[in-house]
Amino acid sequence: MADTTCSLAAKICRSRVSSVLNKDTKQFGKNNLFDNSEETCWNSDQGSPQWILLEFGEEVCVKEIHIQFHGGFVGKNCWLESSQAGSKDLTKFHSFYPQDINQTQVFSLPEVVPLSSLKIVFDDSTDFFGRITIYKLDILGKDS
């Protein structure tokens, strides 16, 4: 792969989420995060924290996180955790603070981070009940 930054979504071999609204995985499940449809979303159930865990088939270098929330259901006090190849231990390495808006937000990492797993943690939500709604998620970077 060239030294250019591109979407790493195709390199995700497994994903998990903390919860799904009413356990309705067809309408609100994790697969909706990467389907490129403006009609679908991942919607967590209530409670905090909420999270998304992505496991890559190989070690990758992450540069940016792109997230499109539904206004009113936006993560607050968020951070990223990662593990490197051969390790299951996740380590917190970067905090970010989304705005309560509907547009796609880009969160650049101060340095390119090599990892095999990435956990996005939403410690709190702008929703009173702690729900998170995401229409689009993309991880940009390159092969390690």
C-alpha atoms as a PDB file:
ATOM      1  CA  MET A   1       0.000   0.000   0.000  1.00  0.00           C
ATOM      2  CA  ALA A   2       1.219   3.497  -0.772  1.00  0.00           C
ATOM      3  CA  ASP A   3       2.057   5.933   1.985  1.00  0.00           C
ATOM      4  CA  THR A   4      -1.292   7.727   1.540  1.00  0.00           C
ATOM      5  CA  THR A   5      -4.077   7.856   4.082  1.00  0.00           C
ATOM      6  CA  CYS A   6      -7.257   5.947   3.217  1.00  0.00           C
ATOM      7  CA  SER A   7     -10.254   4.323   4.887  1.00  0.00           C
ATOM      8  CA  LEU A   8      -9.372   1.318   7.029  1.00  0.00           C
ATOM      9  CA  ALA A   9     -12.989   0.070   7.235  1.00  0.00           C
ATOM     10  CA  ALA A  10     -12.290  -2.869   4.884  1.00  0.00           C
ATOM     11  CA  LYS A  11      -9.527  -4.049   7.242  1.00  0.00           C
ATOM     12  CA  ILE A  12     -11.912  -4.438  10.198  1.00  0.00           C
ATOM     13  CA  CYS A  13     -12.362  -8.163  10.827  1.00  0.00           C
ATOM     14  CA  ARG A  14     -14.571  -7.873  13.924  1.00  0.00           C
ATOM     15  CA  SER A  15     -16.607  -5.139  15.592  1.00  0.00           C
ATOM     16  CA  ARG A  16     -18.587  -4.949  18.812  1.00  0.00           C
ATOM     17  CA  VAL A  17     -20.677  -2.263  20.472  1.00  0.00           C
ATOM     18  CA  SER A  18     -21.666  -1.735  24.085  1.00  0.00           C
ATOM     19  CA  SER A  19     -25.412  -1.945  23.389  1.00  0.00           C
ATOM     20  CA  VAL A  20     -28.122  -1.610  20.730  1.00  0.00           C
ATOM     21  CA  LEU A  21     -31.403   0.249  21.269  1.00  0.00           C
ATOM     22  CA  ASN A  22     -34.117  -2.251  22.206  1.00  0.00           C
ATOM     23  CA  LYS A  23     -31.727  -5.026  21.014  1.00  0.00           C
ATOM     24  CA  ASP A  24     -32.967  -4.238  17.470  1.00  0.00           C
ATOM     25  CA  THR A  25     -29.743  -5.108  15.635  1.00  0.00           C
ATOM     26  CA  LYS A  26     -31.408  -4.996  12.205  1.00  0.00           C
ATOM     27  CA  GLN A  27     -32.541  -1.378  12.546  1.00  0.00           C
ATOM     28  CA  PHE A  28     -29.897   0.006  14.957  1.00  0.00           C
ATOM     29  CA  GLY A  29     -26.993  -2.469  14.884  1.00  0.00           C
ATOM     30  CA  LYS A  30     -23.255  -2.010  14.500  1.00  0.00           C
ATOM     31  CA  ASN A  31     -23.304  -2.944  10.796  1.00  0.00           C
ATOM     32  CA  ASN A  32     -25.019   0.388  10.103  1.00  0.00           C
ATOM     33  CA  LEU A  33     -21.844   2.261  11.105  1.00  0.00           C
ATOM     34  CA  PHE A  34     -20.060   1.351   7.865  1.00  0.00           C
ATOM     35  CA  ASP A  35     -22.869   0.859   5.315  1.00  0.00           C
ATOM     36  CA  ASN A  36     -22.558   4.382   3.791  1.00  0.00           C
ATOM     37  CA  SER A  37     -26.323   4.905   4.044  1.00  0.00           C
ATOM     38  CA  GLU A  38     -27.772   8.125   5.420  1.00  0.00           C
ATOM     39  CA  GLU A  39     -30.930   6.150   6.281  1.00  0.00           C
ATOM     40  CA  THR A  40     -29.346   3.850   8.878  1.00  0.00           C
ATOM     41  CA  CYS A  41     -27.464   4.291  12.146  1.00  0.00           C
ATOM     42  CA  TRP A  42     -26.068   2.595  15.210  1.00  0.00           C
ATOM     43  CA  ASN A  43     -28.166   3.623  18.180  1.00  0.00           C
ATOM     44  CA  SER A  44     -27.032   2.550  21.630  1.00  0.00           C
ATOM     45  CA  ASP A  45     -29.394   1.742  24.435  1.00  0.00           C
ATOM     46  CA  GLN A  46     -29.404   4.039  27.464  1.00  0.00           C
ATOM     47  CA  GLY A  47     -26.618   4.209  30.021  1.00  0.00           C
ATOM     48  CA  SER A  48     -23.020   5.369  30.145  1.00  0.00           C
ATOM     49  CA  PRO A  49     -20.382   4.709  29.056  1.00  0.00           C
ATOM     50  CA  GLN A  50     -21.078   3.451  25.524  1.00  0.00           C
ATOM     51  CA  TRP A  51     -18.356   2.169  23.203  1.00  0.00           C
ATOM     52  CA  ILE A  52     -17.399   0.727  19.823  1.00  0.00           C
ATOM     53  CA  LEU A  53     -14.597  -1.851  19.574  1.00  0.00           C
ATOM     54  CA  LEU A  54     -12.928  -2.488  16.209  1.00  0.00           C
ATOM     55  CA  GLU A  55     -10.457  -5.320  15.622  1.00  0.00           C
ATOM     56  CA  PHE A  56      -8.282  -5.219  12.521  1.00  0.00           C
ATOM     57  CA  GLY A  57      -6.991  -8.276  10.687  1.00  0.00           C
ATOM     58  CA  GLU A  58      -3.493  -6.789  10.739  1.00  0.00           C
ATOM     59  CA  GLU A  59      -1.749  -3.930  12.473  1.00  0.00           C
ATOM     60  CA  VAL A  60      -2.688  -0.557  10.973  1.00  0.00           C
ATOM     61  CA  CYS A  61      -1.676   3.062  11.614  1.00  0.00           C
ATOM     62  CA  VAL A  62      -4.630   5.310  12.490  1.00  0.00           C
ATOM     63  CA  LYS A  63      -4.472   9.023  11.625  1.00  0.00           C
ATOM     64  CA  GLU A  64      -8.102  10.256  11.817  1.00  0.00           C
ATOM     65  CA  ILE A  65     -11.514   9.266  13.111  1.00  0.00           C
ATOM     66  CA  HIS A  66     -14.577  10.557  11.205  1.00  0.00           C
ATOM     67  CA  ILE A  67     -17.914  10.398  13.057  1.00  0.00           C
ATOM     68  CA  GLN A  68     -21.356  11.677  12.095  1.00  0.00           C
ATOM     69  CA  PHE A  69     -23.585  11.769  15.175  1.00  0.00           C
ATOM     70  CA  HIS A  70     -27.268  12.595  15.399  1.00  0.00           C
ATOM     71  CA  GLY A  71     -27.489  15.947  17.207  1.00  0.00           C
ATOM     72  CA  GLY A  72     -28.814  15.492  20.736  1.00  0.00           C
ATOM     73  CA  PHE A  73     -27.302  11.974  20.923  1.00  0.00           C
ATOM     74  CA  VAL A  74     -23.616  12.889  20.790  1.00  0.00           C
ATOM     75  CA  GLY A  75     -20.796  11.451  22.861  1.00  0.00           C
ATOM     76  CA  LYS A  76     -19.176  13.726  25.437  1.00  0.00           C
ATOM     77  CA  ASN A  77     -15.806  13.250  27.143  1.00  0.00           C
ATOM     78  CA  CYS A  78     -14.656  10.649  24.633  1.00  0.00           C
ATOM     79  CA  TRP A  79     -11.391   8.796  24.289  1.00  0.00           C
ATOM     80  CA  LEU A  80      -9.623   6.153  22.242  1.00  0.00           C
ATOM     81  CA  GLU A  81      -8.028   2.970  23.537  1.00  0.00           C
ATOM     82  CA  SER A  82      -5.815   0.636  21.539  1.00  0.00           C
ATOM     83  CA  SER A  83      -3.902  -2.588  21.649  1.00  0.00           C
ATOM     84  CA  GLN A  84      -1.052  -3.712  19.464  1.00  0.00           C
ATOM     85  CA  ALA A  85      -0.679  -7.048  17.690  1.00  0.00           C
ATOM     86  CA  GLY A  86      -0.416  -9.967  20.100  1.00  0.00           C
ATOM     87  CA  SER A  87      -1.936  -8.077  23.041  1.00  0.00           C
ATOM     88  CA  LYS A  88      -5.508  -8.000  24.343  1.00  0.00           C
ATOM     89  CA  ASP A  89      -4.765  -5.183  26.819  1.00  0.00           C
ATOM     90  CA  LEU A  90      -6.307  -1.857  25.789  1.00  0.00           C
ATOM     91  CA  THR A  91      -4.544   1.371  26.703  1.00  0.00           C
ATOM     92  CA  LYS A  92      -6.117   4.835  26.641  1.00  0.00           C
ATOM     93  CA  PHE A  93      -4.109   7.094  24.323  1.00  0.00           C
ATOM     94  CA  HIS A  94      -6.182  10.049  23.077  1.00  0.00           C
ATOM     95  CA  SER A  95      -9.161  12.135  24.273  1.00  0.00           C
ATOM     96  CA  PHE A  96     -11.548  14.070  22.015  1.00  0.00           C
ATOM     97  CA  TYR A  97     -14.601  16.254  22.503  1.00  0.00           C
ATOM     98  CA  PRO A  98     -17.318  16.183  19.799  1.00  0.00           C
ATOM     99  CA  GLN A  99     -19.712  19.051  19.172  1.00  0.00           C
ATOM    100  CA  ASP A 100     -23.457  18.477  19.493  1.00  0.00           C
ATOM    101  CA  ILE A 101     -24.105  18.713  15.721  1.00  0.00           C
ATOM    102  CA  ASN A 102     -25.279  16.488  12.846  1.00  0.00           C
ATOM    103  CA  GLN A 103     -22.334  17.058  10.474  1.00  0.00           C
ATOM    104  CA  THR A 104     -19.411  14.665  10.144  1.00  0.00           C
ATOM    105  CA  GLN A 105     -16.675  15.602  12.593  1.00  0.00           C
ATOM    106  CA  VAL A 106     -13.005  14.802  12.025  1.00  0.00           C
ATOM    107  CA  PHE A 107     -10.733  13.998  14.951  1.00  0.00           C
ATOM    108  CA  SER A 108      -7.060  13.952  13.983  1.00  0.00           C
ATOM    109  CA  LEU A 109      -4.568  12.141  16.124  1.00  0.00           C
ATOM    110  CA  PRO A 110      -1.428  14.070  17.081  1.00  0.00           C
ATOM    111  CA  GLU A 111       0.670  11.212  15.703  1.00  0.00           C
ATOM    112  CA  VAL A 112      -0.038   8.137  13.600  1.00  0.00           C
ATOM    113  CA  VAL A 113      -0.781   5.306  16.020  1.00  0.00           C
ATOM    114  CA  PRO A 114      -0.040   1.644  15.099  1.00  0.00           C
ATOM    115  CA  LEU A 115      -2.673  -0.698  16.524  1.00  0.00           C
ATOM    116  CA  SER A 116      -4.572  -3.934  15.980  1.00  0.00           C
ATOM    117  CA  SER A 117      -7.664  -3.005  18.059  1.00  0.00           C
ATOM    118  CA  LEU A 118      -9.342   0.356  18.531  1.00  0.00           C
ATOM    119  CA  LYS A 119     -11.975   1.133  21.150  1.00  0.00           C
ATOM    120  CA  ILE A 120     -13.918   4.393  20.926  1.00  0.00           C
ATOM    121  CA  VAL A 121     -15.384   5.227  24.335  1.00  0.00           C
ATOM    122  CA  PHE A 122     -18.214   7.723  24.894  1.00  0.00           C
ATOM    123  CA  ASP A 123     -18.056   8.386  28.637  1.00  0.00           C
ATOM    124  CA  ASP A 124     -21.235  10.484  28.595  1.00  0.00           C
ATOM    125  CA  SER A 125     -23.829  11.731  26.120  1.00  0.00           C
ATOM    126  CA  THR A 126     -25.705  14.926  25.300  1.00  0.00           C
ATOM    127  CA  ASP A 127     -28.830  12.736  25.628  1.00  0.00           C
ATOM    128  CA  PHE A 128     -30.291  12.714  29.142  1.00  0.00           C
ATOM    129  CA  PHE A 129     -30.494   8.898  29.068  1.00  0.00           C
ATOM    130  CA  GLY A 130     -26.943   8.365  27.783  1.00  0.00           C
ATOM    131  CA  ARG A 131     -27.863   7.142  24.294  1.00  0.00           C
ATOM    132  CA  ILE A 132     -25.461   7.597  21.354  1.00  0.00           C
ATOM    133  CA  THR A 133     -26.568   7.699  17.696  1.00  0.00           C
ATOM    134  CA  ILE A 134     -23.995   7.481  14.905  1.00  0.00           C
ATOM    135  CA  TYR A 135     -24.858   7.536  11.204  1.00  0.00           C
ATOM    136  CA  LYS A 136     -21.344   7.192   9.863  1.00  0.00           C
ATOM    137  CA  LEU A 137     -17.986   6.114  11.229  1.00  0.00           C
ATOM    138  CA  ASP A 138     -14.729   5.912   9.318  1.00  0.00           C
ATOM    139  CA  ILE A 139     -11.182   5.262  10.443  1.00  0.00           C
ATOM    140  CA  LEU A 140      -8.468   6.730   8.233  1.00  0.00           C
ATOM    141  CA  GLY A 141      -4.844   5.694   8.173  1.00  0.00           C
ATOM    142  CA  LYS A 142      -2.524   3.263   6.436  1.00  0.00           C
ATOM    143  CA  ASP A 143      -0.926  -0.165   6.768  1.00  0.00           C
ATOM    144  CA  SER A 144       1.586  -0.448   9.564  1.00  0.00           C
END
